[in-house]
Amino acid sequence: MEYNIKGFRVFEDILKCKWTLSILDRLTNGDVRPGHLKSNIKGLTAKVMYERLKKLEKFGIIERDQITEKPLEVHYILTSKGKKVSKIISQMKKIDF
């Protein structure tokens, strides 16, 4: 069986980064503001959160939506790729380790 090696490497990179799965899990329920992410994931620092968000955006898993009206608002949402990854994460949560 042949598979997408690039996709596999991206998913591998996601799994090895602490906090990434938690961030993706929170984004599963819809768009999320950075402040909500930080306050709902205990121990997550702003620096690490923004590093992970940038990486996920680079991979095309999330999308940054900036509302330019005042006050400025930023939301993160899953892309179609991100929704596929989210389904995998949902299945992983069901495994009894």
Protein backbone atom coordinates (compact mmCIF):
# COMPACT_ATOMS: atom_id res chain seq x y z
CA MET A 1 0.00 0.00 0.00
CA GLU A 2 1.38 3.37 -1.00
CA TYR A 3 0.83 6.43 1.15
CA ASN A 4 1.62 10.13 1.10
CA ILE A 5 5.05 10.33 2.74
CA LYS A 6 4.85 14.12 3.09
CA GLY A 7 1.51 13.86 4.88
CA PHE A 8 2.94 11.18 7.14
CA ARG A 9 5.93 13.38 8.04
CA VAL A 10 3.69 16.36 8.79
CA PHE A 11 1.50 14.25 11.07
CA GLU A 12 4.62 12.86 12.74
CA ASP A 13 5.81 16.42 13.34
CA ILE A 14 2.44 17.32 14.85
CA LEU A 15 2.54 14.36 17.23
CA LYS A 16 6.01 15.11 18.53
CA CYS A 17 5.25 18.72 19.53
CA LYS A 18 3.86 19.08 23.01
CA TRP A 19 0.57 21.01 23.15
CA THR A 20 -0.23 20.63 19.45
CA LEU A 21 -2.79 17.88 19.97
CA SER A 22 -4.43 19.86 22.76
CA ILE A 23 -4.66 22.93 20.54
CA LEU A 24 -6.14 20.93 17.68
CA ASP A 25 -8.61 19.28 20.05
CA ARG A 26 -9.88 22.70 21.17
CA LEU A 27 -10.19 23.88 17.56
CA THR A 28 -12.38 20.89 16.72
CA ASN A 29 -15.43 22.63 18.19
CA GLY A 30 -15.12 25.68 15.91
CA ASP A 31 -13.12 28.84 15.67
CA VAL A 32 -11.14 29.84 18.71
CA ARG A 33 -9.46 33.02 19.85
CA PRO A 34 -5.87 32.74 21.14
CA GLY A 35 -6.86 33.93 24.62
CA HIS A 36 -9.43 31.15 24.89
CA LEU A 37 -6.84 28.57 23.86
CA LYS A 38 -4.33 29.77 26.42
CA SER A 39 -6.85 29.91 29.26
CA ASN A 40 -8.35 26.49 28.47
CA ILE A 41 -5.09 24.56 28.18
CA LYS A 42 -3.42 24.51 31.58
CA GLY A 43 0.33 25.06 31.39
CA LEU A 44 0.38 26.41 27.83
CA THR A 45 2.44 29.59 27.54
CA ALA A 46 1.70 32.33 25.01
CA LYS A 47 5.09 31.85 23.33
CA VAL A 48 4.62 28.13 22.78
CA MET A 49 1.00 28.59 21.75
CA TYR A 50 1.93 31.06 18.99
CA GLU A 51 4.81 28.83 17.83
CA ARG A 52 2.41 25.88 17.48
CA LEU A 53 -0.27 27.99 15.79
CA LYS A 54 2.24 29.28 13.24
CA LYS A 55 3.46 25.76 12.51
CA LEU A 56 -0.08 24.44 12.07
CA GLU A 57 -0.87 27.37 9.80
CA LYS A 58 2.28 26.68 7.76
CA PHE A 59 1.18 23.05 7.29
CA GLY A 60 -2.27 24.21 6.15
CA ILE A 61 -4.03 22.58 9.09
CA ILE A 62 -5.45 25.77 10.56
CA GLU A 63 -6.32 29.16 9.19
CA ARG A 64 -5.89 32.51 10.88
CA ASP A 65 -8.89 34.79 10.49
CA GLN A 66 -8.26 38.40 11.43
CA ILE A 67 -11.14 40.82 11.76
CA THR A 68 -9.77 44.28 11.04
CA GLU A 69 -12.57 46.19 12.69
CA LYS A 70 -11.81 47.73 16.05
CA PRO A 71 -11.23 46.08 18.38
CA LEU A 72 -8.96 43.78 16.38
CA GLU A 73 -9.91 40.11 16.71
CA VAL A 74 -8.04 37.01 15.64
CA HIS A 75 -9.64 33.59 15.36
CA TYR A 76 -8.16 30.25 14.36
CA ILE A 77 -10.19 27.66 12.48
CA LEU A 78 -9.50 24.21 11.10
CA THR A 79 -9.04 23.88 7.35
CA SER A 80 -10.35 20.84 5.45
CA LYS A 81 -6.96 19.20 6.10
CA GLY A 82 -7.27 20.12 9.76
CA LYS A 83 -10.69 18.51 9.96
CA LYS A 84 -9.20 15.25 8.65
CA VAL A 85 -6.46 15.42 11.30
CA SER A 86 -9.11 16.20 13.90
CA LYS A 87 -10.96 12.97 13.03
CA ILE A 88 -7.75 11.02 13.65
CA ILE A 89 -7.29 12.76 17.01
CA SER A 90 -10.90 11.94 17.96
CA GLN A 91 -10.24 8.27 17.21
CA MET A 92 -7.01 8.35 19.25
CA LYS A 93 -8.94 9.71 22.27
CA LYS A 94 -11.09 6.56 22.22
CA ILE A 95 -8.11 4.19 22.58
CA ASP A 96 -7.70 2.80 26.06
CA PHE A 97 -3.95 2.85 26.67
